[in-house]
Amino acid sequence: MKEAPNLSYLEEIAGQDNDFEQRFIKLFKEEFLWEVGMYLRYIQKNEPRSAAEIVTKSKYKFSILGLENSYDFANTHEENLQQGDTSMHYGFQKILKKVNLFLSEV
């Protein structure tokens, strides 16, 4: 079963406060785009430990979007990056693309 990003958790914590929800989404998008850029930069520069720091931030965003399997994948990827292993990069990149597509539509 494939998981799909959603805003259920955000809607739950925002309640009826649409202004809060919209500000949260705006900030979420900005941070996510920055994180993707930095992650790719560190991978390109062969700095896996620095990339791991970015994965740490991104994985919590996956959790907020209901992507528990992606969170688990990112957690393992983060641990591997800390050891200098970038073998999960392409799988992680697929998750980043999925989240980016979702965020472009909300």
PDB file of N, CA and C in Angstrom:
ATOM      1  N   MET A   1       0.840  -1.185   0.000  1.00  0.00           N
ATOM      2  CA  MET A   1       0.000   0.000   0.000  1.00  0.00           C
ATOM      3  C   MET A   1       0.881   1.244   0.000  1.00  0.00           C
ATOM      4  N   LYS A   2       0.659   2.117  -0.969  1.00  0.00           N
ATOM      5  CA  LYS A   2       1.414   3.357  -1.051  1.00  0.00           C
ATOM      6  C   LYS A   2       0.802   4.386  -0.120  1.00  0.00           C
ATOM      7  N   GLU A   3       1.662   5.134   0.520  1.00  0.00           N
ATOM      8  CA  GLU A   3       1.167   6.197   1.386  1.00  0.00           C
ATOM      9  C   GLU A   3       1.133   7.508   0.609  1.00  0.00           C
ATOM     10  N   ALA A   4       0.187   8.345   0.957  1.00  0.00           N
ATOM     11  CA  ALA A   4       0.040   9.632   0.290  1.00  0.00           C
ATOM     12  C   ALA A   4       0.093  10.746   1.327  1.00  0.00           C
ATOM     13  N   PRO A   5       0.792  11.829   1.008  1.00  0.00           N
ATOM     14  CA  PRO A   5       0.838  12.945   1.952  1.00  0.00           C
ATOM     15  C   PRO A   5      -0.555  13.525   2.158  1.00  0.00           C
ATOM     16  N   ASN A   6      -0.785  14.028   3.355  1.00  0.00           N
ATOM     17  CA  ASN A   6      -2.072  14.654   3.663  1.00  0.00           C
ATOM     18  C   ASN A   6      -1.880  15.709   4.739  1.00  0.00           C
ATOM     19  N   LEU A   7      -2.909  16.503   4.944  1.00  0.00           N
ATOM     20  CA  LEU A   7      -2.860  17.580   5.930  1.00  0.00           C
ATOM     21  C   LEU A   7      -3.699  17.272   7.166  1.00  0.00           C
ATOM     22  N   SER A   8      -4.047  16.029   7.372  1.00  0.00           N
ATOM     23  CA  SER A   8      -4.927  15.659   8.489  1.00  0.00           C
ATOM     24  C   SER A   8      -4.396  16.125   9.837  1.00  0.00           C
ATOM     25  N   TYR A   9      -3.119  15.898  10.088  1.00  0.00           N
ATOM     26  CA  TYR A   9      -2.542  16.290  11.377  1.00  0.00           C
ATOM     27  C   TYR A   9      -2.584  17.805  11.547  1.00  0.00           C
ATOM     28  N   LEU A  10      -2.219  18.531  10.510  1.00  0.00           N
ATOM     29  CA  LEU A  10      -2.250  19.992  10.572  1.00  0.00           C
ATOM     30  C   LEU A  10      -3.666  20.497  10.803  1.00  0.00           C
ATOM     31  N   GLU A  11      -4.626  19.928  10.099  1.00  0.00           N
ATOM     32  CA  GLU A  11      -6.019  20.335  10.275  1.00  0.00           C
ATOM     33  C   GLU A  11      -6.487  20.058  11.694  1.00  0.00           C
ATOM     34  N   GLU A  12      -6.002  18.967  12.272  1.00  0.00           N
ATOM     35  CA  GLU A  12      -6.371  18.623  13.644  1.00  0.00           C
ATOM     36  C   GLU A  12      -5.828  19.647  14.635  1.00  0.00           C
ATOM     37  N   ILE A  13      -4.568  20.032  14.485  1.00  0.00           N
ATOM     38  CA  ILE A  13      -4.006  20.987  15.448  1.00  0.00           C
ATOM     39  C   ILE A  13      -4.462  22.415  15.176  1.00  0.00           C
ATOM     40  N   ALA A  14      -4.781  22.745  13.918  1.00  0.00           N
ATOM     41  CA  ALA A  14      -5.233  24.098  13.593  1.00  0.00           C
ATOM     42  C   ALA A  14      -6.686  24.315  13.986  1.00  0.00           C
ATOM     43  N   GLY A  15      -7.451  23.245  14.033  1.00  0.00           N
ATOM     44  CA  GLY A  15      -8.867  23.395  14.348  1.00  0.00           C
ATOM     45  C   GLY A  15      -9.538  24.280  13.315  1.00  0.00           C
ATOM     46  N   GLN A  16     -10.226  25.286  13.785  1.00  0.00           N
ATOM     47  CA  GLN A  16     -10.935  26.210  12.897  1.00  0.00           C
ATOM     48  C   GLN A  16     -10.093  27.429  12.522  1.00  0.00           C
ATOM     49  N   ASP A  17      -8.848  27.463  12.938  1.00  0.00           N
ATOM     50  CA  ASP A  17      -7.978  28.618  12.696  1.00  0.00           C
ATOM     51  C   ASP A  17      -7.328  28.510  11.314  1.00  0.00           C
ATOM     52  N   ASN A  18      -8.061  28.954  10.301  1.00  0.00           N
ATOM     53  CA  ASN A  18      -7.575  28.864   8.919  1.00  0.00           C
ATOM     54  C   ASN A  18      -6.343  29.729   8.682  1.00  0.00           C
ATOM     55  N   ASP A  19      -6.280  30.864   9.387  1.00  0.00           N
ATOM     56  CA  ASP A  19      -5.120  31.740   9.246  1.00  0.00           C
ATOM     57  C   ASP A  19      -3.854  31.020   9.711  1.00  0.00           C
ATOM     58  N   PHE A  20      -3.942  30.352  10.855  1.00  0.00           N
ATOM     59  CA  PHE A  20      -2.804  29.578  11.361  1.00  0.00           C
ATOM     60  C   PHE A  20      -2.413  28.497  10.361  1.00  0.00           C
ATOM     61  N   GLU A  21      -3.405  27.798   9.850  1.00  0.00           N
ATOM     62  CA  GLU A  21      -3.136  26.713   8.904  1.00  0.00           C
ATOM     63  C   GLU A  21      -2.411  27.224   7.665  1.00  0.00           C
ATOM     64  N   GLN A  22      -2.858  28.350   7.118  1.00  0.00           N
ATOM     65  CA  GLN A  22      -2.231  28.902   5.916  1.00  0.00           C
ATOM     66  C   GLN A  22      -0.809  29.391   6.188  1.00  0.00           C
ATOM     67  N   ARG A  23      -0.596  30.024   7.345  1.00  0.00           N
ATOM     68  CA  ARG A  23       0.759  30.472   7.701  1.00  0.00           C
ATOM     69  C   ARG A  23       1.683  29.276   7.891  1.00  0.00           C
ATOM     70  N   PHE A  24       1.161  28.229   8.530  1.00  0.00           N
ATOM     71  CA  PHE A  24       1.952  27.020   8.755  1.00  0.00           C
ATOM     72  C   PHE A  24       2.354  26.402   7.421  1.00  0.00           C
ATOM     73  N   ILE A  25       1.405  26.292   6.503  1.00  0.00           N
ATOM     74  CA  ILE A  25       1.681  25.703   5.188  1.00  0.00           C
ATOM     75  C   ILE A  25       2.725  26.527   4.441  1.00  0.00           C
ATOM     76  N   LYS A  26       2.599  27.851   4.495  1.00  0.00           N
ATOM     77  CA  LYS A  26       3.559  28.730   3.812  1.00  0.00           C
ATOM     78  C   LYS A  26       4.968  28.513   4.359  1.00  0.00           C
ATOM     79  N   LEU A  27       5.106  28.518   5.666  1.00  0.00           N
ATOM     80  CA  LEU A  27       6.410  28.305   6.292  1.00  0.00           C
ATOM     81  C   LEU A  27       6.935  26.896   6.002  1.00  0.00           C
ATOM     82  N   PHE A  28       6.045  25.925   6.072  1.00  0.00           N
ATOM     83  CA  PHE A  28       6.393  24.527   5.795  1.00  0.00           C
ATOM     84  C   PHE A  28       6.987  24.404   4.394  1.00  0.00           C
ATOM     85  N   LYS A  29       6.327  25.016   3.406  1.00  0.00           N
ATOM     86  CA  LYS A  29       6.801  24.960   2.023  1.00  0.00           C
ATOM     87  C   LYS A  29       8.176  25.605   1.886  1.00  0.00           C
ATOM     88  N   GLU A  30       8.330  26.795   2.485  1.00  0.00           N
ATOM     89  CA  GLU A  30       9.602  27.506   2.394  1.00  0.00           C
ATOM     90  C   GLU A  30      10.737  26.680   2.997  1.00  0.00           C
ATOM     91  N   GLU A  31      10.506  26.155   4.180  1.00  0.00           N
ATOM     92  CA  GLU A  31      11.532  25.351   4.840  1.00  0.00           C
ATOM     93  C   GLU A  31      11.843  24.093   4.038  1.00  0.00           C
ATOM     94  N   PHE A  32      10.809  23.448   3.532  1.00  0.00           N
ATOM     95  CA  PHE A  32      11.016  22.204   2.790  1.00  0.00           C
ATOM     96  C   PHE A  32      11.849  22.450   1.538  1.00  0.00           C
ATOM     97  N   LEU A  33      11.526  23.498   0.796  1.00  0.00           N
ATOM     98  CA  LEU A  33      12.283  23.791  -0.423  1.00  0.00           C
ATOM     99  C   LEU A  33      13.745  24.080  -0.098  1.00  0.00           C
ATOM    100  N   TRP A  34      13.989  24.809   0.984  1.00  0.00           N
ATOM    101  CA  TRP A  34      15.359  25.090   1.405  1.00  0.00           C
ATOM    102  C   TRP A  34      16.070  23.786   1.759  1.00  0.00           C
ATOM    103  N   GLU A  35      15.386  22.934   2.509  1.00  0.00           N
ATOM    104  CA  GLU A  35      15.980  21.663   2.922  1.00  0.00           C
ATOM    105  C   GLU A  35      16.323  20.781   1.720  1.00  0.00           C
ATOM    106  N   VAL A  36      15.441  20.727   0.741  1.00  0.00           N
ATOM    107  CA  VAL A  36      15.710  19.922  -0.459  1.00  0.00           C
ATOM    108  C   VAL A  36      16.965  20.441  -1.153  1.00  0.00           C
ATOM    109  N   GLY A  37      17.041  21.757  -1.324  1.00  0.00           N
ATOM    110  CA  GLY A  37      18.210  22.349  -1.975  1.00  0.00           C
ATOM    111  C   GLY A  37      19.501  22.053  -1.235  1.00  0.00           C
ATOM    112  N   MET A  38      19.474  22.195   0.077  1.00  0.00           N
ATOM    113  CA  MET A  38      20.672  21.937   0.874  1.00  0.00           C
ATOM    114  C   MET A  38      21.040  20.458   0.851  1.00  0.00           C
ATOM    115  N   TYR A  39      20.052  19.596   0.945  1.00  0.00           N
ATOM    116  CA  TYR A  39      20.312  18.152   0.900  1.00  0.00           C
ATOM    117  C   TYR A  39      21.012  17.784  -0.409  1.00  0.00           C
ATOM    118  N   LEU A  40      20.447  18.235  -1.524  1.00  0.00           N
ATOM    119  CA  LEU A  40      21.021  17.911  -2.830  1.00  0.00           C
ATOM    120  C   LEU A  40      22.425  18.496  -2.977  1.00  0.00           C
ATOM    121  N   ARG A  41      22.608  19.681  -2.447  1.00  0.00           N
ATOM    122  CA  ARG A  41      23.931  20.314  -2.491  1.00  0.00           C
ATOM    123  C   ARG A  41      24.955  19.475  -1.730  1.00  0.00           C
ATOM    124  N   TYR A  42      24.591  19.044  -0.532  1.00  0.00           N
ATOM    125  CA  TYR A  42      25.524  18.245   0.265  1.00  0.00           C
ATOM    126  C   TYR A  42      25.809  16.890  -0.382  1.00  0.00           C
ATOM    127  N   ILE A  43      24.805  16.300  -0.987  1.00  0.00           N
ATOM    128  CA  ILE A  43      25.020  15.027  -1.682  1.00  0.00           C
ATOM    129  C   ILE A  43      25.968  15.238  -2.859  1.00  0.00           C
ATOM    130  N   GLN A  44      25.722  16.302  -3.628  1.00  0.00           N
ATOM    131  CA  GLN A  44      26.559  16.601  -4.791  1.00  0.00           C
ATOM    132  C   GLN A  44      28.007  16.872  -4.376  1.00  0.00           C
ATOM    133  N   LYS A  45      28.186  17.531  -3.233  1.00  0.00           N
ATOM    134  CA  LYS A  45      29.532  17.854  -2.747  1.00  0.00           C
ATOM    135  C   LYS A  45      30.157  16.698  -1.967  1.00  0.00           C
ATOM    136  N   ASN A  46      29.473  15.565  -1.934  1.00  0.00           N
ATOM    137  CA  ASN A  46      29.935  14.379  -1.206  1.00  0.00           C
ATOM    138  C   ASN A  46      30.180  14.690   0.275  1.00  0.00           C
ATOM    139  N   GLU A  47      29.170  15.318   0.886  1.00  0.00           N
ATOM    140  CA  GLU A  47      29.205  15.626   2.313  1.00  0.00           C
ATOM    141  C   GLU A  47      28.018  14.935   2.992  1.00  0.00           C
ATOM    142  N   PRO A  48      28.068  13.599   3.087  1.00  0.00           N
ATOM    143  CA  PRO A  48      26.919  12.855   3.604  1.00  0.00           C
ATOM    144  C   PRO A  48      26.543  13.199   5.046  1.00  0.00           C
ATOM    145  N   ARG A  49      27.505  13.536   5.871  1.00  0.00           N
ATOM    146  CA  ARG A  49      27.170  13.857   7.266  1.00  0.00           C
ATOM    147  C   ARG A  49      26.384  15.164   7.360  1.00  0.00           C
ATOM    148  N   SER A  50      26.725  16.113   6.505  1.00  0.00           N
ATOM    149  CA  SER A  50      25.950  17.356   6.451  1.00  0.00           C
ATOM    150  C   SER A  50      24.557  17.087   5.893  1.00  0.00           C
ATOM    151  N   ALA A  51      24.477  16.208   4.903  1.00  0.00           N
ATOM    152  CA  ALA A  51      23.171  15.829   4.344  1.00  0.00           C
ATOM    153  C   ALA A  51      22.310  15.170   5.408  1.00  0.00           C
ATOM    154  N   ALA A  52      22.928  14.399   6.295  1.00  0.00           N
ATOM    155  CA  ALA A  52      22.184  13.727   7.370  1.00  0.00           C
ATOM    156  C   ALA A  52      21.481  14.737   8.268  1.00  0.00           C
ATOM    157  N   GLU A  53      22.113  15.887   8.506  1.00  0.00           N
ATOM    158  CA  GLU A  53      21.493  16.923   9.332  1.00  0.00           C
ATOM    159  C   GLU A  53      20.211  17.443   8.686  1.00  0.00           C
ATOM    160  N   ILE A  54      20.217  17.539   7.378  1.00  0.00           N
ATOM    161  CA  ILE A  54      19.029  17.999   6.657  1.00  0.00           C
ATOM    162  C   ILE A  54      17.950  16.919   6.683  1.00  0.00           C
ATOM    163  N   VAL A  55      18.344  15.678   6.527  1.00  0.00           N
ATOM    164  CA  VAL A  55      17.384  14.569   6.575  1.00  0.00           C
ATOM    165  C   VAL A  55      16.687  14.549   7.932  1.00  0.00           C
ATOM    166  N   THR A  56      17.423  14.867   8.985  1.00  0.00           N
ATOM    167  CA  THR A  56      16.831  14.936  10.326  1.00  0.00           C
ATOM    168  C   THR A  56      15.643  15.887  10.337  1.00  0.00           C
ATOM    169  N   LYS A  57      15.802  17.045   9.720  1.00  0.00           N
ATOM    170  CA  LYS A  57      14.722  18.041   9.677  1.00  0.00           C
ATOM    171  C   LYS A  57      13.574  17.573   8.786  1.00  0.00           C
ATOM    172  N   SER A  58      13.925  17.022   7.642  1.00  0.00           N
ATOM    173  CA  SER A  58      12.904  16.621   6.669  1.00  0.00           C
ATOM    174  C   SER A  58      12.036  15.479   7.166  1.00  0.00           C
ATOM    175  N   LYS A  59      12.614  14.553   7.888  1.00  0.00           N
ATOM    176  CA  LYS A  59      11.837  13.379   8.302  1.00  0.00           C
ATOM    177  C   LYS A  59      10.677  13.769   9.214  1.00  0.00           C
ATOM    178  N   TYR A  60      10.833  14.811   9.994  1.00  0.00           N
ATOM    179  CA  TYR A  60       9.728  15.248  10.845  1.00  0.00           C
ATOM    180  C   TYR A  60       8.611  15.871  10.018  1.00  0.00           C
ATOM    181  N   LYS A  61       8.972  16.476   8.915  1.00  0.00           N
ATOM    182  CA  LYS A  61       7.948  16.999   8.008  1.00  0.00           C
ATOM    183  C   LYS A  61       7.155  15.847   7.390  1.00  0.00           C
ATOM    184  N   PHE A  62       7.841  14.751   7.089  1.00  0.00           N
ATOM    185  CA  PHE A  62       7.144  13.581   6.555  1.00  0.00           C
ATOM    186  C   PHE A  62       6.111  13.086   7.562  1.00  0.00           C
ATOM    187  N   SER A  63       6.486  13.082   8.809  1.00  0.00           N
ATOM    188  CA  SER A  63       5.574  12.632   9.863  1.00  0.00           C
ATOM    189  C   SER A  63       4.348  13.538   9.942  1.00  0.00           C
ATOM    190  N   ILE A  64       4.557  14.842   9.863  1.00  0.00           N
ATOM    191  CA  ILE A  64       3.445  15.797   9.898  1.00  0.00           C
ATOM    192  C   ILE A  64       2.492  15.545   8.737  1.00  0.00           C
ATOM    193  N   LEU A  65       3.035  15.119   7.605  1.00  0.00           N
ATOM    194  CA  LEU A  65       2.212  14.858   6.417  1.00  0.00           C
ATOM    195  C   LEU A  65       1.656  13.439   6.380  1.00  0.00           C
ATOM    196  N   GLY A  66       1.799  12.704   7.467  1.00  0.00           N
ATOM    197  CA  GLY A  66       1.233  11.361   7.549  1.00  0.00           C
ATOM    198  C   GLY A  66       2.027  10.300   6.808  1.00  0.00           C
ATOM    199  N   LEU A  67       3.274  10.584   6.512  1.00  0.00           N
ATOM    200  CA  LEU A  67       4.115   9.661   5.747  1.00  0.00           C
ATOM    201  C   LEU A  67       5.006   8.859   6.694  1.00  0.00           C
ATOM    202  N   GLU A  68       4.401   7.948   7.414  1.00  0.00           N
ATOM    203  CA  GLU A  68       5.141   7.193   8.430  1.00  0.00           C
ATOM    204  C   GLU A  68       6.195   6.269   7.820  1.00  0.00           C
ATOM    205  N   ASN A  69       5.882   5.628   6.703  1.00  0.00           N
ATOM    206  CA  ASN A  69       6.877   4.772   6.044  1.00  0.00           C
ATOM    207  C   ASN A  69       8.049   5.603   5.532  1.00  0.00           C
ATOM    208  N   SER A  70       7.742   6.781   5.020  1.00  0.00           N
ATOM    209  CA  SER A  70       8.796   7.675   4.547  1.00  0.00           C
ATOM    210  C   SER A  70       9.645   8.173   5.706  1.00  0.00           C
ATOM    211  N   TYR A  71       9.011   8.420   6.838  1.00  0.00           N
ATOM    212  CA  TYR A  71       9.749   8.803   8.045  1.00  0.00           C
ATOM    213  C   TYR A  71      10.741   7.701   8.415  1.00  0.00           C
ATOM    214  N   ASP A  72      10.279   6.465   8.423  1.00  0.00           N
ATOM    215  CA  ASP A  72      11.152   5.337   8.766  1.00  0.00           C
ATOM    216  C   ASP A  72      12.304   5.202   7.766  1.00  0.00           C
ATOM    217  N   PHE A  73      11.990   5.366   6.488  1.00  0.00           N
ATOM    218  CA  PHE A  73      13.017   5.303   5.448  1.00  0.00           C
ATOM    219  C   PHE A  73      14.056   6.396   5.681  1.00  0.00           C
ATOM    220  N   ALA A  74      13.571   7.616   5.945  1.00  0.00           N
ATOM    221  CA  ALA A  74      14.469   8.750   6.180  1.00  0.00           C
ATOM    222  C   ALA A  74      15.333   8.523   7.411  1.00  0.00           C
ATOM    223  N   ASN A  75      14.758   7.921   8.421  1.00  0.00           N
ATOM    224  CA  ASN A  75      15.514   7.646   9.642  1.00  0.00           C
ATOM    225  C   ASN A  75      16.690   6.705   9.348  1.00  0.00           C
ATOM    226  N   THR A  76      16.434   5.658   8.580  1.00  0.00           N
ATOM    227  CA  THR A  76      17.500   4.728   8.197  1.00  0.00           C
ATOM    228  C   THR A  76      18.520   5.420   7.297  1.00  0.00           C
ATOM    229  N   HIS A  77      18.020   6.221   6.356  1.00  0.00           N
ATOM    230  CA  HIS A  77      18.908   6.965   5.450  1.00  0.00           C
ATOM    231  C   HIS A  77      19.811   7.905   6.252  1.00  0.00           C
ATOM    232  N   GLU A  78      19.234   8.576   7.226  1.00  0.00           N
ATOM    233  CA  GLU A  78      20.007   9.483   8.082  1.00  0.00           C
ATOM    234  C   GLU A  78      21.147   8.732   8.785  1.00  0.00           C
ATOM    235  N   GLU A  79      20.824   7.593   9.353  1.00  0.00           N
ATOM    236  CA  GLU A  79      21.843   6.784  10.039  1.00  0.00           C
ATOM    237  C   GLU A  79      22.946   6.358   9.069  1.00  0.00           C
ATOM    238  N   ASN A  80      22.547   5.957   7.866  1.00  0.00           N
ATOM    239  CA  ASN A  80      23.531   5.557   6.858  1.00  0.00           C
ATOM    240  C   ASN A  80      24.418   6.729   6.449  1.00  0.00           C
ATOM    241  N   LEU A  81      23.797   7.896   6.258  1.00  0.00           N
ATOM    242  CA  LEU A  81      24.567   9.079   5.873  1.00  0.00           C
ATOM    243  C   LEU A  81      25.599   9.436   6.938  1.00  0.00           C
ATOM    244  N   GLN A  82      25.233   9.270   8.180  1.00  0.00           N
ATOM    245  CA  GLN A  82      26.174   9.565   9.262  1.00  0.00           C
ATOM    246  C   GLN A  82      27.394   8.649   9.210  1.00  0.00           C
ATOM    247  N   GLN A  83      27.240   7.509   8.560  1.00  0.00           N
ATOM    248  CA  GLN A  83      28.352   6.566   8.374  1.00  0.00           C
ATOM    249  C   GLN A  83      29.031   6.755   7.008  1.00  0.00           C
ATOM    250  N   GLY A  84      28.562   7.756   6.252  1.00  0.00           N
ATOM    251  CA  GLY A  84      29.142   8.029   4.941  1.00  0.00           C
ATOM    252  C   GLY A  84      28.515   7.255   3.795  1.00  0.00           C
ATOM    253  N   ASP A  85      27.427   6.552   4.052  1.00  0.00           N
ATOM    254  CA  ASP A  85      26.761   5.701   3.058  1.00  0.00           C
ATOM    255  C   ASP A  85      25.604   6.459   2.405  1.00  0.00           C
ATOM    256  N   THR A  86      25.715   6.705   1.111  1.00  0.00           N
ATOM    257  CA  THR A  86      24.675   7.437   0.376  1.00  0.00           C
ATOM    258  C   THR A  86      23.793   6.523  -0.475  1.00  0.00           C
ATOM    259  N   SER A  87      23.833   5.235  -0.232  1.00  0.00           N
ATOM    260  CA  SER A  87      23.149   4.264  -1.096  1.00  0.00           C
ATOM    261  C   SER A  87      21.628   4.427  -1.144  1.00  0.00           C
ATOM    262  N   MET A  88      21.037   5.092  -0.164  1.00  0.00           N
ATOM    263  CA  MET A  88      19.577   5.262  -0.152  1.00  0.00           C
ATOM    264  C   MET A  88      19.138   6.596  -0.759  1.00  0.00           C
ATOM    265  N   HIS A  89      20.084   7.314  -1.335  1.00  0.00           N
ATOM    266  CA  HIS A  89      19.803   8.650  -1.873  1.00  0.00           C
ATOM    267  C   HIS A  89      18.655   8.655  -2.879  1.00  0.00           C
ATOM    268  N   TYR A  90      18.657   7.727  -3.821  1.00  0.00           N
ATOM    269  CA  TYR A  90      17.631   7.762  -4.869  1.00  0.00           C
ATOM    270  C   TYR A  90      16.240   7.466  -4.318  1.00  0.00           C
ATOM    271  N   GLY A  91      16.149   6.586  -3.362  1.00  0.00           N
ATOM    272  CA  GLY A  91      14.868   6.342  -2.709  1.00  0.00           C
ATOM    273  C   GLY A  91      14.394   7.565  -1.948  1.00  0.00           C
ATOM    274  N   PHE A  92      15.318   8.239  -1.286  1.00  0.00           N
ATOM    275  CA  PHE A  92      14.967   9.449  -0.544  1.00  0.00           C
ATOM    276  C   PHE A  92      14.544  10.556  -1.501  1.00  0.00           C
ATOM    277  N   GLN A  93      15.212  10.628  -2.627  1.00  0.00           N
ATOM    278  CA  GLN A  93      14.871  11.631  -3.628  1.00  0.00           C
ATOM    279  C   GLN A  93      13.439  11.438  -4.138  1.00  0.00           C
ATOM    280  N   LYS A  94      13.002  10.205  -4.270  1.00  0.00           N
ATOM    281  CA  LYS A  94      11.622   9.936  -4.692  1.00  0.00           C
ATOM    282  C   LYS A  94      10.629  10.480  -3.671  1.00  0.00           C
ATOM    283  N   ILE A  95      10.948  10.325  -2.398  1.00  0.00           N
ATOM    284  CA  ILE A  95      10.079  10.860  -1.343  1.00  0.00           C
ATOM    285  C   ILE A  95      10.041  12.379  -1.434  1.00  0.00           C
ATOM    286  N   LEU A  96      11.198  12.999  -1.616  1.00  0.00           N
ATOM    287  CA  LEU A  96      11.258  14.459  -1.730  1.00  0.00           C
ATOM    288  C   LEU A  96      10.399  14.950  -2.891  1.00  0.00           C
ATOM    289  N   LYS A  97      10.453  14.248  -4.008  1.00  0.00           N
ATOM    290  CA  LYS A  97       9.649  14.639  -5.173  1.00  0.00           C
ATOM    291  C   LYS A  97       8.159  14.494  -4.884  1.00  0.00           C
ATOM    292  N   LYS A  98       7.787  13.419  -4.200  1.00  0.00           N
ATOM    293  CA  LYS A  98       6.377  13.201  -3.859  1.00  0.00           C
ATOM    294  C   LYS A  98       5.865  14.324  -2.957  1.00  0.00           C
ATOM    295  N   VAL A  99       6.649  14.674  -1.956  1.00  0.00           N
ATOM    296  CA  VAL A  99       6.247  15.733  -1.027  1.00  0.00           C
ATOM    297  C   VAL A  99       6.211  17.073  -1.747  1.00  0.00           C
ATOM    298  N   ASN A 100       7.199  17.336  -2.584  1.00  0.00           N
ATOM    299  CA  ASN A 100       7.234  18.592  -3.319  1.00  0.00           C
ATOM    300  C   ASN A 100       6.015  18.738  -4.224  1.00  0.00           C
ATOM    301  N   LEU A 101       5.639  17.672  -4.898  1.00  0.00           N
ATOM    302  CA  LEU A 101       4.450  17.703  -5.752  1.00  0.00           C
ATOM    303  C   LEU A 101       3.205  17.990  -4.919  1.00  0.00           C
ATOM    304  N   PHE A 102       3.078  17.319  -3.797  1.00  0.00           N
ATOM    305  CA  PHE A 102       1.932  17.538  -2.914  1.00  0.00           C
ATOM    306  C   PHE A 102       1.882  18.991  -2.449  1.00  0.00           C
ATOM    307  N   LEU A 103       3.019  19.520  -2.007  1.00  0.00           N
ATOM    308  CA  LEU A 103       3.049  20.892  -1.497  1.00  0.00           C
ATOM    309  C   LEU A 103       2.761  21.915  -2.587  1.00  0.00           C
ATOM    310  N   SER A 104       3.101  21.598  -3.821  1.00  0.00           N
ATOM    311  CA  SER A 104       2.817  22.528  -4.917  1.00  0.00           C
ATOM    312  C   SER A 104       1.324  22.610  -5.213  1.00  0.00           C
ATOM    313  N   GLU A 105       0.572  21.629  -4.721  1.00  0.00           N
ATOM    314  CA  GLU A 105      -0.869  21.587  -4.989  1.00  0.00           C
ATOM    315  C   GLU A 105      -1.717  22.079  -3.821  1.00  0.00           C
ATOM    316  N   VAL A 106      -1.091  22.373  -2.671  1.00  0.00           N
ATOM    317  CA  VAL A 106      -1.880  22.862  -1.521  1.00  0.00           C
ATOM    318  C   VAL A 106      -1.699  24.349  -1.343  1.00  0.00           C
TER     319      VAL A 106
END
